[in-house]
C-alpha cells in the first residue's frame, strides 16, 4: 500500500482542497500542501485544519508560502527564491507518518511549473505518490480530464482514481470509461461546507478509498 497520496486537479478551482479534507478525514491521514501561493485569502492548510473532526491528523507547515496568487514558479520568482523539489521530497519522507497516509495537495493541475524546469507532474514522480484526480463538470472539462489522464498514463504514474465534485453529470461515467481509472466517489455541491459535511462525505469515501489503496 502506497501511503503517499497526491491530490491534483484537472484545472484550477475544481475543489481540490475540499476533496483533500474529505480524503484526509476518511483515512485519518496527515495533510500537507508543499507549495501555497496567494496568501491574502488564507492558506489551504488553515481551511483543511478547520474542517477536520478526527484527533489523529496532523496538518503540516508548507515548505513554501508565497504571497502572489500566481503559478508557483512565478510567485517564487517575484520573491527571488527558487522552489527546490528535492527539498520537498525530503520533507515528504520526513513528514510521512508511520502506518498512516500522507495526503499532499498540489497547486492547480499537472503542468503547473514549480520552477524553471520542473512541473507538478515531475514532482509527483519524484515523490512516488499515488494520484487522486479531482474533476468537475464544466464546458471543456472532458478535454481537461482526458488530457490529465493521458499524461498520467504516458508517464506511468500510479493513479488511485477520480473524485468528482459539483453537480452530477453523465460525463463522469464517460471520463471513467475512457480513462480506465476507477471512480472513487463524488462530493456533492454543498450550501455550507463545514465539519459535519466533511465527516459525512469522508464516511462515504472511506470504503472505496481503502479498497483502492490496497491495490497500490
C-alpha atoms as a PDB file:
ATOM      1  CA  UNK A   1       0.000   0.000   0.000  1.00  0.00           C
ATOM      2  CA  UNK A   2       1.387   3.386  -1.062  1.00  0.00           C
ATOM      3  CA  UNK A   3       0.921   5.735   1.873  1.00  0.00           C
ATOM      4  CA  UNK A   4       1.821   8.870  -0.100  1.00  0.00           C
ATOM      5  CA  UNK A   5      -1.209  10.349  -1.861  1.00  0.00           C
ATOM      6  CA  UNK A   6      -1.036  13.355  -4.166  1.00  0.00           C
ATOM      7  CA  UNK A   7      -4.249  15.206  -4.969  1.00  0.00           C
ATOM      8  CA  UNK A   8      -4.251  17.034  -8.281  1.00  0.00           C
ATOM      9  CA  UNK A   9      -6.986  18.645 -10.335  1.00  0.00           C
ATOM     10  CA  UNK A  10      -7.943  18.849 -13.998  1.00  0.00           C
ATOM     11  CA  UNK A  11      -7.577  22.617 -13.548  1.00  0.00           C
ATOM     12  CA  UNK A  12      -7.695  25.414 -11.005  1.00  0.00           C
ATOM     13  CA  UNK A  13     -10.709  25.875  -8.747  1.00  0.00           C
ATOM     14  CA  UNK A  14     -12.157  22.374  -9.162  1.00  0.00           C
ATOM     15  CA  UNK A  15     -12.372  21.630  -5.427  1.00  0.00           C
ATOM     16  CA  UNK A  16      -9.021  20.064  -4.541  1.00  0.00           C
ATOM     17  CA  UNK A  17      -8.978  21.466  -1.007  1.00  0.00           C
ATOM     18  CA  UNK A  18     -12.448  20.124  -0.115  1.00  0.00           C
ATOM     19  CA  UNK A  19     -11.510  16.745  -1.594  1.00  0.00           C
ATOM     20  CA  UNK A  20      -8.231  16.835   0.340  1.00  0.00           C
ATOM     21  CA  UNK A  21     -10.143  17.439   3.560  1.00  0.00           C
ATOM     22  CA  UNK A  22     -12.548  14.571   2.828  1.00  0.00           C
ATOM     23  CA  UNK A  23      -9.756  12.133   1.918  1.00  0.00           C
ATOM     24  CA  UNK A  24      -7.693  13.162   4.941  1.00  0.00           C
ATOM     25  CA  UNK A  25     -10.694  12.696   7.237  1.00  0.00           C
ATOM     26  CA  UNK A  26     -11.651   9.366   5.625  1.00  0.00           C
ATOM     27  CA  UNK A  27      -8.159   7.923   6.128  1.00  0.00           C
ATOM     28  CA  UNK A  28      -7.258   9.822   9.307  1.00  0.00           C
ATOM     29  CA  UNK A  29      -4.170  10.738   7.324  1.00  0.00           C
ATOM     30  CA  UNK A  30      -1.790  13.648   7.744  1.00  0.00           C
ATOM     31  CA  UNK A  31      -2.186  16.620   5.389  1.00  0.00           C
ATOM     32  CA  UNK A  32       0.495  18.684   3.660  1.00  0.00           C
ATOM     33  CA  UNK A  33       0.386  21.327   0.944  1.00  0.00           C
ATOM     34  CA  UNK A  34       4.038  21.639  -0.120  1.00  0.00           C
ATOM     35  CA  UNK A  35       3.590  24.910  -2.035  1.00  0.00           C
ATOM     36  CA  UNK A  36       0.995  27.561  -1.192  1.00  0.00           C
ATOM     37  CA  UNK A  37       0.563  30.680  -3.306  1.00  0.00           C
ATOM     38  CA  UNK A  38      -1.762  33.630  -2.751  1.00  0.00           C
ATOM     39  CA  UNK A  39      -1.709  34.220   0.993  1.00  0.00           C
ATOM     40  CA  UNK A  40      -4.206  37.117   1.046  1.00  0.00           C
ATOM     41  CA  UNK A  41      -7.175  34.717   1.238  1.00  0.00           C
ATOM     42  CA  UNK A  42      -5.563  32.449   3.836  1.00  0.00           C
ATOM     43  CA  UNK A  43      -3.982  29.060   3.276  1.00  0.00           C
ATOM     44  CA  UNK A  44      -5.482  25.749   2.215  1.00  0.00           C
ATOM     45  CA  UNK A  45      -3.842  24.212   5.280  1.00  0.00           C
ATOM     46  CA  UNK A  46      -5.887  26.516   7.510  1.00  0.00           C
ATOM     47  CA  UNK A  47      -9.061  25.541   5.623  1.00  0.00           C
ATOM     48  CA  UNK A  48      -8.406  21.790   5.927  1.00  0.00           C
ATOM     49  CA  UNK A  49      -7.475  22.083   9.615  1.00  0.00           C
ATOM     50  CA  UNK A  50     -10.745  23.920  10.309  1.00  0.00           C
ATOM     51  CA  UNK A  51     -12.837  21.264   8.530  1.00  0.00           C
ATOM     52  CA  UNK A  52     -11.414  18.106  10.136  1.00  0.00           C
ATOM     53  CA  UNK A  53     -13.028  16.329  13.068  1.00  0.00           C
ATOM     54  CA  UNK A  54     -10.636  13.485  13.875  1.00  0.00           C
ATOM     55  CA  UNK A  55      -7.963  13.915  16.552  1.00  0.00           C
ATOM     56  CA  UNK A  56      -5.241  11.978  14.716  1.00  0.00           C
ATOM     57  CA  UNK A  57      -4.474  14.137  11.674  1.00  0.00           C
ATOM     58  CA  UNK A  58      -1.519  16.493  11.717  1.00  0.00           C
ATOM     59  CA  UNK A  59      -1.654  19.388   9.223  1.00  0.00           C
ATOM     60  CA  UNK A  60       1.963  20.151   8.438  1.00  0.00           C
ATOM     61  CA  UNK A  61       3.554  23.505   7.687  1.00  0.00           C
ATOM     62  CA  UNK A  62       4.022  24.268   3.989  1.00  0.00           C
ATOM     63  CA  UNK A  63       7.512  24.004   2.514  1.00  0.00           C
ATOM     64  CA  UNK A  64       6.921  27.229   0.585  1.00  0.00           C
ATOM     65  CA  UNK A  65       4.397  30.008   1.299  1.00  0.00           C
ATOM     66  CA  UNK A  66       4.327  32.610  -1.468  1.00  0.00           C
ATOM     67  CA  UNK A  67       2.290  35.813  -1.437  1.00  0.00           C
ATOM     68  CA  UNK A  68       1.450  36.267  -5.113  1.00  0.00           C
ATOM     69  CA  UNK A  69      -1.712  34.426  -6.324  1.00  0.00           C
ATOM     70  CA  UNK A  70       0.122  33.025  -9.352  1.00  0.00           C
ATOM     71  CA  UNK A  71       1.752  29.821 -10.539  1.00  0.00           C
ATOM     72  CA  UNK A  72       4.421  28.681  -8.053  1.00  0.00           C
ATOM     73  CA  UNK A  73       7.368  29.378 -10.374  1.00  0.00           C
ATOM     74  CA  UNK A  74       6.209  32.965 -10.962  1.00  0.00           C
ATOM     75  CA  UNK A  75       5.289  33.630  -7.326  1.00  0.00           C
ATOM     76  CA  UNK A  76       8.705  32.322  -6.280  1.00  0.00           C
ATOM     77  CA  UNK A  77      10.460  34.377  -8.962  1.00  0.00           C
ATOM     78  CA  UNK A  78       8.792  37.541  -7.671  1.00  0.00           C
ATOM     79  CA  UNK A  79      10.122  36.764  -4.180  1.00  0.00           C
ATOM     80  CA  UNK A  80      13.553  36.000  -5.655  1.00  0.00           C
ATOM     81  CA  UNK A  81      13.626  32.391  -4.499  1.00  0.00           C
ATOM     82  CA  UNK A  82      13.634  29.043  -6.306  1.00  0.00           C
ATOM     83  CA  UNK A  83      11.426  26.134  -5.297  1.00  0.00           C
ATOM     84  CA  UNK A  84      13.649  23.124  -4.623  1.00  0.00           C
ATOM     85  CA  UNK A  85      11.741  19.926  -5.364  1.00  0.00           C
ATOM     86  CA  UNK A  86      14.489  17.783  -3.848  1.00  0.00           C
ATOM     87  CA  UNK A  87      13.765  19.544  -0.555  1.00  0.00           C
ATOM     88  CA  UNK A  88      10.024  18.849  -0.980  1.00  0.00           C
ATOM     89  CA  UNK A  89      10.731  15.144  -1.497  1.00  0.00           C
ATOM     90  CA  UNK A  90      12.975  15.044   1.590  1.00  0.00           C
ATOM     91  CA  UNK A  91      10.279  16.769   3.632  1.00  0.00           C
ATOM     92  CA  UNK A  92       7.612  14.352   2.387  1.00  0.00           C
ATOM     93  CA  UNK A  93       9.680  11.403   3.552  1.00  0.00           C
ATOM     94  CA  UNK A  94      10.350  13.081   6.886  1.00  0.00           C
ATOM     95  CA  UNK A  95       6.708  14.043   7.483  1.00  0.00           C
ATOM     96  CA  UNK A  96       5.162  10.749   6.390  1.00  0.00           C
ATOM     97  CA  UNK A  97       3.524   9.196   9.453  1.00  0.00           C
ATOM     98  CA  UNK A  98       4.150   5.564  10.380  1.00  0.00           C
ATOM     99  CA  UNK A  99       1.234   3.320   9.480  1.00  0.00           C
ATOM    100  CA  UNK A 100      -0.919   6.110   8.035  1.00  0.00           C
ATOM    101  CA  UNK A 101      -1.099   8.063   4.804  1.00  0.00           C
ATOM    102  CA  UNK A 102       0.264  11.492   3.966  1.00  0.00           C
ATOM    103  CA  UNK A 103      -2.178  13.421   1.768  1.00  0.00           C
ATOM    104  CA  UNK A 104      -0.420  16.068  -0.324  1.00  0.00           C
ATOM    105  CA  UNK A 105      -2.343  18.747  -2.176  1.00  0.00           C
ATOM    106  CA  UNK A 106      -0.893  20.219  -5.343  1.00  0.00           C
ATOM    107  CA  UNK A 107      -1.295  23.695  -6.782  1.00  0.00           C
ATOM    108  CA  UNK A 108      -3.553  23.649  -9.849  1.00  0.00           C
ATOM    109  CA  UNK A 109      -3.015  20.833 -12.345  1.00  0.00           C
ATOM    110  CA  UNK A 110      -0.219  18.572 -13.538  1.00  0.00           C
ATOM    111  CA  UNK A 111       1.528  21.023 -15.845  1.00  0.00           C
ATOM    112  CA  UNK A 112       1.814  23.835 -13.322  1.00  0.00           C
ATOM    113  CA  UNK A 113       5.502  24.849 -13.214  1.00  0.00           C
ATOM    114  CA  UNK A 114       7.229  24.787  -9.831  1.00  0.00           C
ATOM    115  CA  UNK A 115      10.479  26.289 -11.067  1.00  0.00           C
ATOM    116  CA  UNK A 116      12.160  26.950 -14.408  1.00  0.00           C
ATOM    117  CA  UNK A 117      12.459  23.244 -15.227  1.00  0.00           C
ATOM    118  CA  UNK A 118      10.169  21.124 -13.072  1.00  0.00           C
ATOM    119  CA  UNK A 119       6.387  20.765 -13.279  1.00  0.00           C
ATOM    120  CA  UNK A 120       3.957  19.314 -10.743  1.00  0.00           C
ATOM    121  CA  UNK A 121       3.866  16.101 -12.783  1.00  0.00           C
ATOM    122  CA  UNK A 122       7.632  15.715 -12.339  1.00  0.00           C
ATOM    123  CA  UNK A 123       7.324  16.261  -8.590  1.00  0.00           C
ATOM    124  CA  UNK A 124       4.668  13.530  -8.324  1.00  0.00           C
ATOM    125  CA  UNK A 125       7.100  11.129  -9.995  1.00  0.00           C
ATOM    126  CA  UNK A 126       9.879  12.129  -7.621  1.00  0.00           C
ATOM    127  CA  UNK A 127       7.566  11.613  -4.651  1.00  0.00           C
ATOM    128  CA  UNK A 128       6.462   8.182  -5.939  1.00  0.00           C
ATOM    129  CA  UNK A 129       2.963   9.057  -4.794  1.00  0.00           C
ATOM    130  CA  UNK A 130      -0.361   7.641  -5.879  1.00  0.00           C
ATOM    131  CA  UNK A 131      -2.601  10.234  -7.534  1.00  0.00           C
ATOM    132  CA  UNK A 132      -6.208  11.163  -6.917  1.00  0.00           C
ATOM    133  CA  UNK A 133      -7.619  13.322  -9.720  1.00  0.00           C
ATOM    134  CA  UNK A 134     -10.255  15.900  -8.819  1.00  0.00           C
ATOM    135  CA  UNK A 135     -12.690  16.856 -11.569  1.00  0.00           C
ATOM    136  CA  UNK A 136     -15.844  18.905 -12.008  1.00  0.00           C
ATOM    137  CA  UNK A 137     -18.209  19.213 -14.937  1.00  0.00           C
ATOM    138  CA  UNK A 138     -17.953  22.442 -16.927  1.00  0.00           C
ATOM    139  CA  UNK A 139     -17.669  23.357 -20.592  1.00  0.00           C
ATOM    140  CA  UNK A 140     -14.286  21.964 -21.621  1.00  0.00           C
ATOM    141  CA  UNK A 141     -13.891  19.671 -18.620  1.00  0.00           C
ATOM    142  CA  UNK A 142     -13.830  16.464 -20.683  1.00  0.00           C
ATOM    143  CA  UNK A 143     -10.825  17.749 -22.598  1.00  0.00           C
ATOM    144  CA  UNK A 144      -9.070  18.783 -19.380  1.00  0.00           C
ATOM    145  CA  UNK A 145      -9.902  15.466 -17.707  1.00  0.00           C
ATOM    146  CA  UNK A 146      -8.721  13.328 -20.604  1.00  0.00           C
ATOM    147  CA  UNK A 147      -5.521  15.339 -21.098  1.00  0.00           C
ATOM    148  CA  UNK A 148      -4.786  14.813 -17.396  1.00  0.00           C
ATOM    149  CA  UNK A 149      -5.481  11.085 -17.669  1.00  0.00           C
ATOM    150  CA  UNK A 150      -3.421  10.758 -20.854  1.00  0.00           C
ATOM    151  CA  UNK A 151      -0.304  12.414 -19.419  1.00  0.00           C
ATOM    152  CA  UNK A 152      -0.530  10.317 -16.233  1.00  0.00           C
ATOM    153  CA  UNK A 153      -0.760   7.121 -18.288  1.00  0.00           C
ATOM    154  CA  UNK A 154       2.080   8.222 -20.544  1.00  0.00           C
ATOM    155  CA  UNK A 155       4.404   8.866 -17.607  1.00  0.00           C
ATOM    156  CA  UNK A 156       3.443   5.699 -15.734  1.00  0.00           C
ATOM    157  CA  UNK A 157       2.352   7.471 -12.555  1.00  0.00           C
ATOM    158  CA  UNK A 158       0.236   5.343 -10.222  1.00  0.00           C
ATOM    159  CA  UNK A 159      -3.373   6.598 -10.291  1.00  0.00           C
ATOM    160  CA  UNK A 160      -5.760   5.699  -7.469  1.00  0.00           C
ATOM    161  CA  UNK A 161      -8.817   7.135  -9.196  1.00  0.00           C
ATOM    162  CA  UNK A 162     -11.200  10.039  -9.744  1.00  0.00           C
ATOM    163  CA  UNK A 163     -13.183  12.070  -7.243  1.00  0.00           C
ATOM    164  CA  UNK A 164     -15.821  14.262  -8.857  1.00  0.00           C
ATOM    165  CA  UNK A 165     -17.388  17.364  -7.366  1.00  0.00           C
ATOM    166  CA  UNK A 166     -20.157  19.832  -8.098  1.00  0.00           C
ATOM    167  CA  UNK A 167     -23.381  18.947  -9.885  1.00  0.00           C
ATOM    168  CA  UNK A 168     -23.657  15.350 -11.094  1.00  0.00           C
ATOM    169  CA  UNK A 169     -23.365  14.760 -14.831  1.00  0.00           C
ATOM    170  CA  UNK A 170     -23.238  11.734 -17.140  1.00  0.00           C
ATOM    171  CA  UNK A 171     -19.840  12.967 -18.377  1.00  0.00           C
ATOM    172  CA  UNK A 172     -18.361  11.418 -15.228  1.00  0.00           C
ATOM    173  CA  UNK A 173     -19.139   7.887 -16.417  1.00  0.00           C
ATOM    174  CA  UNK A 174     -17.652   8.667 -19.822  1.00  0.00           C
ATOM    175  CA  UNK A 175     -14.440  10.032 -18.317  1.00  0.00           C
ATOM    176  CA  UNK A 176     -14.067   6.962 -16.101  1.00  0.00           C
ATOM    177  CA  UNK A 177     -14.647   4.611 -19.046  1.00  0.00           C
ATOM    178  CA  UNK A 178     -12.339   6.432 -21.442  1.00  0.00           C
ATOM    179  CA  UNK A 179      -9.541   6.887 -18.930  1.00  0.00           C
ATOM    180  CA  UNK A 180      -9.637   3.391 -17.446  1.00  0.00           C
ATOM    181  CA  UNK A 181      -9.145   4.898 -13.978  1.00  0.00           C
ATOM    182  CA  UNK A 182     -11.736   3.990 -11.328  1.00  0.00           C
ATOM    183  CA  UNK A 183     -14.225   6.368  -9.790  1.00  0.00           C
ATOM    184  CA  UNK A 184     -13.606   6.653  -6.055  1.00  0.00           C
ATOM    185  CA  UNK A 185     -16.721   8.736  -5.498  1.00  0.00           C
ATOM    186  CA  UNK A 186     -18.219  12.172  -5.765  1.00  0.00           C
ATOM    187  CA  UNK A 187     -18.675  15.064  -3.383  1.00  0.00           C
ATOM    188  CA  UNK A 188     -21.962  16.881  -3.995  1.00  0.00           C
ATOM    189  CA  UNK A 189     -22.413  20.621  -4.186  1.00  0.00           C
ATOM    190  CA  UNK A 190     -22.904  21.955  -0.659  1.00  0.00           C
ATOM    191  CA  UNK A 191     -24.678  25.062   0.564  1.00  0.00           C
ATOM    192  CA  UNK A 192     -22.368  25.059   3.566  1.00  0.00           C
ATOM    193  CA  UNK A 193     -19.059  23.242   3.816  1.00  0.00           C
ATOM    194  CA  UNK A 194     -18.428  22.532   7.491  1.00  0.00           C
ATOM    195  CA  UNK A 195     -17.068  19.778   9.710  1.00  0.00           C
ATOM    196  CA  UNK A 196     -20.284  17.770   9.513  1.00  0.00           C
ATOM    197  CA  UNK A 197     -20.340  17.889   5.710  1.00  0.00           C
ATOM    198  CA  UNK A 198     -16.719  16.743   5.513  1.00  0.00           C
ATOM    199  CA  UNK A 199     -17.366  13.982   8.057  1.00  0.00           C
ATOM    200  CA  UNK A 200     -20.390  12.728   6.073  1.00  0.00           C
ATOM    201  CA  UNK A 201     -18.521  12.701   2.767  1.00  0.00           C
ATOM    202  CA  UNK A 202     -15.481  11.063   4.357  1.00  0.00           C
ATOM    203  CA  UNK A 203     -17.633   8.222   5.663  1.00  0.00           C
ATOM    204  CA  UNK A 204     -18.902   7.553   2.138  1.00  0.00           C
ATOM    205  CA  UNK A 205     -15.408   7.671   0.599  1.00  0.00           C
ATOM    206  CA  UNK A 206     -13.648   5.574   3.249  1.00  0.00           C
ATOM    207  CA  UNK A 207     -14.524   2.083   1.938  1.00  0.00           C
ATOM    208  CA  UNK A 208     -13.761   2.628  -1.771  1.00  0.00           C
ATOM    209  CA  UNK A 209     -10.620   4.598  -0.894  1.00  0.00           C
ATOM    210  CA  UNK A 210      -9.231   1.889   1.359  1.00  0.00           C
ATOM    211  CA  UNK A 211     -10.049  -0.818  -1.173  1.00  0.00           C
ATOM    212  CA  UNK A 212      -8.263   1.016  -3.988  1.00  0.00           C
ATOM    213  CA  UNK A 213      -5.296   1.969  -1.812  1.00  0.00           C
ATOM    214  CA  UNK A 214      -4.637  -1.677  -1.006  1.00  0.00           C
ATOM    215  CA  UNK A 215      -4.159  -2.249  -4.744  1.00  0.00           C
ATOM    216  CA  UNK A 216      -1.384   0.381  -4.905  1.00  0.00           C
END
